[in-house]
Amino acid sequence: MTVNDLDPFGQGVARHNGKALFIQGALPGEQVDITITEDKRNFAQAKVKRRLNDSPQRATPRCPHFGVCGGCQQQHASIELQQQAKSRALARMMGKRENPAVVDEIISGTPWGYRRRARLGLNYLAKTQTLQMGFRKSQDSELVNIQRCPVLVPQLEALLEPLHECLASLKAVRRLGHVELVHADNGPLMVLRHLDALNDDDRQKLERFSHSHGVDLFFAPDSETLTALDDVQPSYHSDGLRLTFSPRDFIQVNDGVNQQMVARAIEWLDIKPTDRVLDLFCGMGNFTLPLATRAESVVGVEGVAALVAKAEYNAECNSLKNVTFFHENLEDDVTRQPWAAQGFDKILLDPARAGAPGVMQHVISLAPTRVVYVSCNPTTLARDSEALLAAGYQLRQLAMLDMFPHTGHLESMALFERLDQVE
């Protein structure tokens, strides 16, 4: 059996009896003996019994947990092969089978040490009286005890072993939920979810860990409450602006790719000082605030109230007076929302995985000259793009964002321009 492609989840793809065959761990160009593990009507799954040759693009995984931990799927493939496979998948989804789209650019950063946020599960094993701290296994709810994680930024990876030792020593070790690690521009922070109140001894141990390792500590006794050990305000930079955030706020995990993504969106929109710009699903202003430094006015719309409040605060901190934010559900009837009657020259969308079906027709009715759509799900990007193409827009630029190297996540951004504006 000869493998001829790689899917976004790190599986080799071959054809057998006219059916797609997905082979875990195999790479394009490799010949393999396989065992079928699942045989469906339109496809089959297989595992490798024996590999007869190695692809020149096979790489040695850096992580000792690779193949067991469910976090990464592609460390056995070179970063070039990963990016090519994702670009081909994006091109197929954004075009027709016989006429795939053209991916103009791959936007990438460092393939290792890029992840500035991680949530680690905690599980106390009573039988062995040990604490597990780590990520879920591949296709399993069990935890993998993590000692190393080379995709984490080095400052967070360095915390794994001492943090595990600290948490394992707590009296409350049986009643811990999870721990979140985040690397802000002003240093690392951690959020500890604990199911019972912590006694003084445990709090002192955690405080000592916090101070000795330079980590800002936050306690989370429930899903709503967050208490900081010290008075800190985490922040990161977007296009030179300082954006503060709460440890639970959504921020892009890959800072290097985020910086490039914001710059490319600004470039594609070709913002003029007279432009009125709309930013839908704006979060806490990752795109909105950089746009506001260039446009006449910007409106940001977001469905999460806490993010809207943070966006308004960040606009004030950066002395931006020409930006207005609205807290609105963009899955509802947007035509009745207070921002909807305004005129806009350019529009940016950055929706969640479900895409933006509820707002596409209104985007079209606003008739912007350019639309930039940032996507974390190529399937919904392709679906929403159809509405723009049918309304007389043309796909002018398409970029694959390598936001999560070594994983199956495929992110992208696309520029659409109204046909009467195309030269």
Protein backbone atom coordinates (compact mmCIF):
# COMPACT_ATOMS: atom_id res chain seq x y z
CA MET A 1 0.00 0.00 0.00
CA THR A 2 1.48 3.38 -1.06
CA VAL A 3 0.47 6.54 0.82
CA ASN A 4 -0.11 9.60 -1.39
CA ASP A 5 -1.38 12.38 0.88
CA LEU A 6 -1.57 13.61 4.48
CA ASP A 7 -4.82 14.75 6.05
CA PRO A 8 -4.96 17.63 8.59
CA PHE A 9 -5.05 15.10 11.45
CA GLY A 10 -1.69 13.57 10.61
CA GLN A 11 -3.08 10.47 8.92
CA GLY A 12 -1.66 9.17 5.66
CA VAL A 13 -4.21 8.89 2.87
CA ALA A 14 -4.28 6.11 0.29
CA ARG A 15 -6.87 4.64 -2.08
CA HIS A 16 -8.09 1.06 -1.85
CA ASN A 17 -10.87 -0.37 -4.01
CA GLY A 18 -11.91 3.17 -4.88
CA LYS A 19 -12.24 4.09 -1.21
CA ALA A 20 -10.23 6.60 0.85
CA LEU A 21 -8.06 4.83 3.39
CA PHE A 22 -6.77 6.80 6.40
CA ILE A 23 -3.61 5.31 7.93
CA GLN A 24 -2.48 6.54 11.33
CA GLY A 25 1.21 7.47 11.39
CA ALA A 26 1.95 6.98 7.68
CA LEU A 27 3.32 9.75 5.45
CA PRO A 28 3.08 10.44 1.70
CA GLY A 29 5.53 8.36 -0.37
CA GLU A 30 5.76 5.59 2.22
CA GLN A 31 4.86 2.00 1.45
CA VAL A 32 3.20 0.23 4.35
CA ASP A 33 1.65 -3.06 5.35
CA ILE A 34 -1.56 -2.25 7.20
CA THR A 35 -4.35 -3.65 9.31
CA ILE A 36 -7.87 -2.31 8.68
CA THR A 37 -9.33 -1.12 12.00
CA GLU A 38 -12.61 0.32 10.74
CA ASP A 39 -14.33 -0.26 7.41
CA LYS A 40 -17.12 2.13 6.47
CA ARG A 41 -19.09 2.51 3.26
CA ASN A 42 -17.11 5.52 1.96
CA PHE A 43 -13.79 5.23 3.82
CA ALA A 44 -11.70 2.98 6.03
CA GLN A 45 -9.28 3.46 8.92
CA ALA A 46 -6.07 1.50 9.26
CA LYS A 47 -2.91 1.22 11.33
CA VAL A 48 0.60 0.38 10.20
CA LYS A 49 1.87 -3.17 10.73
CA ARG A 50 5.17 -2.52 8.96
CA ARG A 51 6.68 0.49 7.22
CA LEU A 52 8.78 -0.51 4.21
CA ASN A 53 10.46 2.87 3.67
CA ASP A 54 10.68 6.28 5.33
CA SER A 55 9.53 9.51 3.74
CA PRO A 56 12.29 12.15 3.54
CA GLN A 57 9.76 14.39 5.30
CA ARG A 58 9.47 12.10 8.31
CA ALA A 59 10.65 13.86 11.49
CA THR A 60 11.59 12.65 14.95
CA PRO A 61 8.92 13.84 17.42
CA ARG A 62 10.37 16.16 20.05
CA CYS A 63 7.79 15.32 22.70
CA PRO A 64 8.19 12.12 24.76
CA HIS A 65 4.39 11.96 25.07
CA PHE A 66 3.68 12.11 21.31
CA GLY A 67 1.44 9.27 20.17
CA VAL A 68 -0.20 8.95 23.58
CA CYS A 69 -1.15 12.56 24.39
CA GLY A 70 -4.02 13.84 22.25
CA GLY A 71 -2.64 17.36 21.96
CA CYS A 72 -0.47 16.93 18.84
CA GLN A 73 -1.08 14.69 15.83
CA GLN A 74 1.71 15.62 13.39
CA GLN A 75 5.09 15.77 15.12
CA HIS A 76 6.24 12.83 12.97
CA ALA A 77 5.94 15.03 9.84
CA SER A 78 8.21 17.91 8.86
CA ILE A 79 6.70 21.35 9.37
CA GLU A 80 6.89 21.89 5.58
CA LEU A 81 4.78 18.78 4.94
CA GLN A 82 2.27 19.78 7.62
CA GLN A 83 1.84 23.22 6.06
CA GLN A 84 1.57 21.84 2.52
CA ALA A 85 -1.10 19.32 3.59
CA LYS A 86 -3.15 21.98 5.38
CA SER A 87 -2.83 24.36 2.44
CA ARG A 88 -4.03 21.67 0.03
CA ALA A 89 -6.98 20.88 2.29
CA LEU A 90 -7.89 24.58 2.48
CA ALA A 91 -7.60 24.96 -1.31
CA ARG A 92 -9.93 21.98 -1.84
CA MET A 93 -12.52 23.28 0.62
CA MET A 94 -12.50 26.80 -0.80
CA GLY A 95 -12.78 25.68 -4.42
CA LYS A 96 -14.45 22.95 -6.41
CA ARG A 97 -13.05 19.43 -6.67
CA GLU A 98 -11.94 20.02 -10.25
CA ASN A 99 -10.90 23.62 -9.58
CA PRO A 100 -9.35 24.14 -6.12
CA ALA A 101 -8.74 27.65 -4.86
CA VAL A 102 -5.22 29.09 -4.72
CA VAL A 103 -3.64 29.55 -1.30
CA ASP A 104 -1.55 32.68 -1.80
CA GLU A 105 0.38 32.57 1.45
CA ILE A 106 1.23 30.51 4.51
CA ILE A 107 1.45 32.70 7.61
CA SER A 108 3.56 30.94 10.22
CA GLY A 109 5.86 31.53 13.16
CA THR A 110 8.09 29.30 15.22
CA PRO A 111 6.86 25.67 15.14
CA TRP A 112 8.02 25.02 18.73
CA GLY A 113 7.51 26.96 21.95
CA TYR A 114 4.63 28.93 20.46
CA ARG A 115 1.68 28.09 22.68
CA ARG A 116 1.08 30.77 25.33
CA ARG A 117 -1.96 29.15 26.93
CA ALA A 118 -2.73 25.64 28.17
CA ARG A 119 -5.32 24.00 30.39
CA LEU A 120 -4.08 20.93 32.25
CA GLY A 121 -6.42 18.43 33.86
CA LEU A 122 -5.80 17.27 37.43
CA ASN A 123 -6.78 13.83 38.71
CA TYR A 124 -5.86 12.20 42.02
CA LEU A 125 -5.37 8.43 41.87
CA ALA A 126 -6.34 7.10 45.30
CA LYS A 127 -4.92 3.63 44.69
CA THR A 128 -1.39 4.91 44.11
CA GLN A 129 -1.86 8.19 46.03
CA THR A 130 -0.46 10.17 43.11
CA LEU A 131 -1.62 13.25 41.23
CA GLN A 132 -1.93 13.21 37.46
CA MET A 133 -1.45 16.55 35.69
CA GLY A 134 -1.69 16.71 31.94
CA PHE A 135 -3.74 16.52 28.75
CA ARG A 136 -6.27 13.96 27.55
CA LYS A 137 -5.12 10.90 25.67
CA SER A 138 -5.86 10.64 21.99
CA GLN A 139 -9.51 9.47 21.63
CA ASP A 140 -9.73 8.86 25.38
CA SER A 141 -10.80 10.81 28.47
CA GLU A 142 -7.86 9.56 30.55
CA LEU A 143 -5.07 11.99 31.39
CA VAL A 144 -1.49 11.70 30.23
CA ASN A 145 0.88 12.81 32.97
CA ILE A 146 2.90 15.57 31.29
CA GLN A 147 6.52 16.31 32.19
CA ARG A 148 7.40 18.11 28.97
CA CYS A 149 5.47 19.96 26.28
CA PRO A 150 7.72 21.49 23.60
CA VAL A 151 4.88 23.41 21.93
CA LEU A 152 4.41 25.48 25.12
CA VAL A 153 6.38 28.71 25.37
CA PRO A 154 9.56 27.80 27.32
CA GLN A 155 8.53 29.83 30.39
CA LEU A 156 5.39 27.68 30.76
CA GLU A 157 7.07 24.36 29.94
CA ALA A 158 9.64 25.07 32.67
CA LEU A 159 6.81 25.27 35.22
CA LEU A 160 5.39 21.79 34.57
CA GLU A 161 7.53 19.71 36.93
CA PRO A 162 7.77 22.17 39.87
CA LEU A 163 4.04 22.94 39.59
CA HIS A 164 3.16 19.24 39.66
CA GLU A 165 5.36 18.79 42.73
CA CYS A 166 3.70 21.75 44.48
CA LEU A 167 0.13 20.64 43.72
CA ALA A 168 0.86 17.04 44.73
CA SER A 169 1.99 18.28 48.17
CA LEU A 170 -1.28 20.08 48.96
CA LYS A 171 -3.74 18.75 51.54
CA ALA A 172 -6.47 19.54 48.98
CA VAL A 173 -4.82 17.38 46.31
CA ARG A 174 -7.92 15.15 46.04
CA ARG A 175 -10.17 18.15 45.33
CA LEU A 176 -8.43 20.02 42.54
CA GLY A 177 -10.14 20.54 39.20
CA HIS A 178 -7.63 21.84 36.65
CA VAL A 179 -4.89 24.40 36.25
CA GLU A 180 -4.58 26.96 33.45
CA LEU A 181 -1.22 28.40 32.45
CA VAL A 182 -1.01 31.61 30.42
CA HIS A 183 2.00 33.59 29.31
CA ALA A 184 1.27 37.31 29.15
CA ASP A 185 3.72 39.95 27.96
CA ASN A 186 4.25 40.84 31.63
CA GLY A 187 5.00 37.25 32.66
CA PRO A 188 3.42 33.85 33.31
CA LEU A 189 0.23 33.34 35.32
CA MET A 190 -1.74 30.37 36.55
CA VAL A 191 -5.37 29.79 37.47
CA LEU A 192 -6.05 26.99 39.94
CA ARG A 193 -9.55 25.53 39.96
CA HIS A 194 -10.13 24.06 43.43
CA LEU A 195 -13.36 22.34 44.42
CA ASP A 196 -13.12 23.01 48.17
CA ALA A 197 -11.80 25.97 50.15
CA LEU A 198 -8.02 25.87 50.60
CA ASN A 199 -6.60 25.82 54.12
CA ASP A 200 -3.93 28.29 55.22
CA ASP A 201 -1.09 25.81 54.80
CA ASP A 202 -2.05 25.07 51.19
CA ARG A 203 -2.44 28.75 50.38
CA GLN A 204 1.02 29.46 51.80
CA LYS A 205 2.56 26.67 49.68
CA LEU A 206 0.92 28.10 46.56
CA GLU A 207 2.03 31.63 47.44
CA ARG A 208 5.62 30.44 47.89
CA PHE A 209 5.47 28.69 44.52
CA SER A 210 4.03 31.84 42.92
CA HIS A 211 6.74 34.11 44.28
CA SER A 212 9.70 31.74 43.83
CA HIS A 213 8.80 31.03 40.16
CA GLY A 214 7.59 34.52 39.25
CA VAL A 215 4.07 33.34 38.44
CA ASP A 216 0.97 35.47 39.04
CA LEU A 217 -1.53 33.25 40.85
CA PHE A 218 -5.32 33.28 40.53
CA PHE A 219 -7.70 31.16 42.61
CA ALA A 220 -10.92 29.83 41.03
CA PRO A 221 -13.23 28.24 43.63
CA ASP A 222 -15.96 28.01 40.97
CA SER A 223 -16.47 28.68 37.28
CA GLU A 224 -17.44 32.33 37.85
CA THR A 225 -15.10 33.55 40.60
CA LEU A 226 -11.49 34.53 40.02
CA THR A 227 -9.34 35.95 42.83
CA ALA A 228 -5.82 37.23 42.25
CA LEU A 229 -3.14 36.65 44.85
CA ASP A 230 -1.56 39.99 43.91
CA ASP A 231 -2.87 43.05 42.09
CA VAL A 232 -1.87 42.19 38.51
CA GLN A 233 -3.22 43.07 35.09
CA PRO A 234 -2.10 40.61 32.39
CA SER A 235 -1.61 42.12 28.94
CA TYR A 236 -0.33 41.43 25.45
CA HIS A 237 0.40 43.62 22.43
CA SER A 238 -1.44 43.81 19.13
CA ASP A 239 0.04 46.10 16.46
CA GLY A 240 1.92 48.01 19.15
CA LEU A 241 -1.16 48.57 21.34
CA ARG A 242 -1.32 47.14 24.87
CA LEU A 243 -4.42 45.00 25.49
CA THR A 244 -5.19 43.91 29.04
CA PHE A 245 -7.16 40.73 29.64
CA SER A 246 -8.50 38.47 32.35
CA PRO A 247 -6.87 35.01 32.56
CA ARG A 248 -10.15 33.46 31.39
CA ASP A 249 -10.62 35.80 28.42
CA PHE A 250 -10.08 34.42 24.93
CA ILE A 251 -6.78 35.47 23.41
CA GLN A 252 -5.05 33.94 20.38
CA VAL A 253 -2.78 31.15 21.57
CA ASN A 254 0.03 31.84 19.09
CA ASP A 255 1.35 35.37 19.60
CA GLY A 256 3.74 35.34 16.61
CA VAL A 257 1.04 34.30 14.12
CA ASN A 258 -1.49 36.64 15.73
CA GLN A 259 0.78 39.64 15.16
CA GLN A 260 1.19 38.71 11.48
CA MET A 261 -2.52 37.97 11.09
CA VAL A 262 -3.52 41.42 12.40
CA ALA A 263 -0.97 43.10 10.13
CA ARG A 264 -2.20 41.16 7.09
CA ALA A 265 -5.86 41.97 7.81
CA ILE A 266 -5.04 45.68 7.98
CA GLU A 267 -3.06 45.44 4.75
CA TRP A 268 -5.80 43.53 2.90
CA LEU A 269 -8.55 45.91 4.02
CA ASP A 270 -6.41 48.81 2.73
CA ILE A 271 -7.68 51.13 5.45
CA LYS A 272 -7.96 54.81 4.51
CA PRO A 273 -8.29 57.69 7.02
CA THR A 274 -11.87 58.26 5.77
CA ASP A 275 -12.98 54.61 6.16
CA ARG A 276 -15.75 53.45 8.47
CA VAL A 277 -14.97 49.87 9.50
CA LEU A 278 -17.10 47.14 11.11
CA ASP A 279 -15.47 44.34 13.15
CA LEU A 280 -17.87 41.46 13.85
CA PHE A 281 -17.16 38.88 16.59
CA CYS A 282 -14.56 41.40 17.78
CA GLY A 283 -13.66 39.87 21.17
CA MET A 284 -11.74 42.34 23.28
CA GLY A 285 -10.45 44.33 20.32
CA ASN A 286 -7.57 42.27 18.88
CA PHE A 287 -8.35 43.64 15.39
CA THR A 288 -10.68 46.51 16.32
CA LEU A 289 -8.17 48.68 18.12
CA PRO A 290 -5.39 48.43 15.51
CA LEU A 291 -8.01 49.26 12.84
CA ALA A 292 -9.07 52.31 14.86
CA THR A 293 -5.56 53.77 14.67
CA ARG A 294 -5.96 54.02 10.88
CA ALA A 295 -9.68 54.51 10.10
CA GLU A 296 -12.08 57.39 10.64
CA SER A 297 -14.27 55.21 12.87
CA VAL A 298 -14.63 51.55 13.85
CA VAL A 299 -17.56 49.62 15.32
CA GLY A 300 -16.92 46.33 17.12
CA VAL A 301 -19.74 43.84 17.86
CA GLU A 302 -19.31 40.92 20.26
CA GLY A 303 -21.65 38.46 21.98
CA VAL A 304 -19.72 38.07 25.27
CA ALA A 305 -20.39 40.97 27.65
CA ALA A 306 -17.11 40.61 29.58
CA LEU A 307 -15.11 40.90 26.34
CA VAL A 308 -17.03 44.01 25.30
CA ALA A 309 -16.25 45.61 28.66
CA LYS A 310 -12.56 44.72 28.25
CA ALA A 311 -12.54 46.08 24.69
CA GLU A 312 -13.98 49.40 25.88
CA TYR A 313 -11.40 49.55 28.68
CA ASN A 314 -8.57 48.80 26.23
CA ALA A 315 -9.79 51.50 23.83
CA GLU A 316 -9.74 53.99 26.70
CA CYS A 317 -6.27 52.89 27.86
CA ASN A 318 -4.94 53.37 24.33
CA SER A 319 -6.66 56.79 23.97
CA LEU A 320 -8.77 55.64 21.02
CA LYS A 321 -11.88 57.83 20.80
CA ASN A 322 -13.17 56.74 17.37
CA VAL A 323 -14.26 53.20 18.28
CA THR A 324 -17.66 52.03 19.59
CA PHE A 325 -18.50 48.56 20.90
CA PHE A 326 -21.86 46.77 21.06
CA HIS A 327 -22.79 43.70 23.07
CA GLU A 328 -25.07 41.80 20.68
CA ASN A 329 -25.76 38.18 19.76
CA LEU A 330 -24.82 37.90 16.09
CA GLU A 331 -26.93 34.75 15.71
CA ASP A 332 -30.07 36.82 16.36
CA ASP A 333 -31.80 39.10 13.82
CA VAL A 334 -28.99 41.56 13.28
CA THR A 335 -31.15 43.98 11.27
CA ARG A 336 -32.76 45.14 14.53
CA GLN A 337 -29.44 45.76 16.30
CA PRO A 338 -28.32 49.37 16.90
CA TRP A 339 -25.15 49.15 14.79
CA ALA A 340 -26.89 47.64 11.79
CA ALA A 341 -28.21 50.83 10.16
CA GLN A 342 -24.81 52.49 9.98
CA GLY A 343 -22.81 52.64 6.77
CA PHE A 344 -19.46 50.84 6.51
CA ASP A 345 -16.75 50.83 3.86
CA LYS A 346 -14.85 47.74 5.05
CA ILE A 347 -15.85 44.75 7.22
CA LEU A 348 -13.83 42.17 9.17
CA LEU A 349 -15.31 38.97 10.63
CA ASP A 350 -13.58 36.63 13.08
CA PRO A 351 -16.28 34.15 14.17
CA ALA A 352 -16.04 30.98 16.25
CA ARG A 353 -16.14 27.51 14.66
CA ALA A 354 -19.84 27.78 13.80
CA GLY A 355 -19.04 30.60 11.38
CA ALA A 356 -21.28 33.58 10.66
CA PRO A 357 -24.42 32.36 8.85
CA GLY A 358 -26.71 34.72 10.78
CA VAL A 359 -24.89 37.84 9.63
CA MET A 360 -23.73 37.14 6.06
CA GLN A 361 -26.80 38.55 4.30
CA HIS A 362 -26.55 41.74 6.32
CA VAL A 363 -22.85 42.04 5.52
CA ILE A 364 -23.83 41.83 1.85
CA SER A 365 -26.59 44.41 2.26
CA LEU A 366 -24.07 46.86 3.74
CA ALA A 367 -22.14 46.58 0.44
CA PRO A 368 -18.59 47.07 1.79
CA THR A 369 -15.85 47.33 -0.83
CA ARG A 370 -13.74 44.75 1.00
CA VAL A 371 -14.42 41.94 3.49
CA VAL A 372 -11.77 40.04 5.44
CA TYR A 373 -12.96 36.79 7.01
CA VAL A 374 -10.70 35.18 9.63
CA SER A 375 -11.64 31.55 10.23
CA CYS A 376 -10.85 28.72 12.64
CA ASN A 377 -12.99 26.27 10.63
CA PRO A 378 -12.53 26.01 6.85
CA THR A 379 -15.85 24.20 6.44
CA THR A 380 -17.88 27.16 7.71
CA LEU A 381 -15.61 29.63 5.90
CA ALA A 382 -16.35 27.82 2.63
CA ARG A 383 -20.09 27.86 3.37
CA ASP A 384 -20.19 31.56 4.29
CA SER A 385 -18.00 32.45 1.31
CA GLU A 386 -20.67 31.12 -1.04
CA ALA A 387 -23.00 33.96 0.02
CA LEU A 388 -20.35 36.58 -0.76
CA LEU A 389 -19.45 35.04 -4.12
CA ALA A 390 -23.11 34.80 -5.12
CA ALA A 391 -23.56 38.49 -4.24
CA GLY A 392 -20.84 39.67 -6.61
CA TYR A 393 -17.72 39.48 -4.46
CA GLN A 394 -14.49 37.87 -5.63
CA LEU A 395 -12.00 35.90 -3.54
CA ARG A 396 -8.84 37.99 -3.92
CA GLN A 397 -6.47 36.55 -1.30
CA LEU A 398 -6.41 33.33 0.72
CA ALA A 399 -3.90 32.54 3.45
CA MET A 400 -3.40 29.47 5.61
CA LEU A 401 -2.61 30.44 9.21
CA ASP A 402 -0.33 27.90 10.88
CA MET A 403 -1.67 28.91 14.28
CA PHE A 404 -1.27 25.43 15.82
CA PRO A 405 1.74 23.58 14.35
CA HIS A 406 1.78 19.77 14.85
CA THR A 407 -2.01 19.66 15.37
CA GLY A 408 -5.03 19.13 13.13
CA HIS A 409 -6.29 22.70 13.60
CA LEU A 410 -6.59 24.49 10.25
CA GLU A 411 -7.03 28.26 10.45
CA SER A 412 -7.17 30.68 7.57
CA MET A 413 -8.10 34.15 6.38
CA ALA A 414 -9.65 35.34 3.15
CA LEU A 415 -10.07 38.68 1.40
CA PHE A 416 -13.18 39.32 -0.69
CA GLU A 417 -13.58 42.38 -2.90
CA ARG A 418 -16.71 43.67 -4.59
CA LEU A 419 -16.48 43.03 -8.32
CA ASP A 420 -17.16 46.67 -9.24
CA GLN A 421 -14.05 47.56 -7.18
CA VAL A 422 -11.74 45.02 -8.81
CA GLU A 423 -9.36 46.63 -11.26
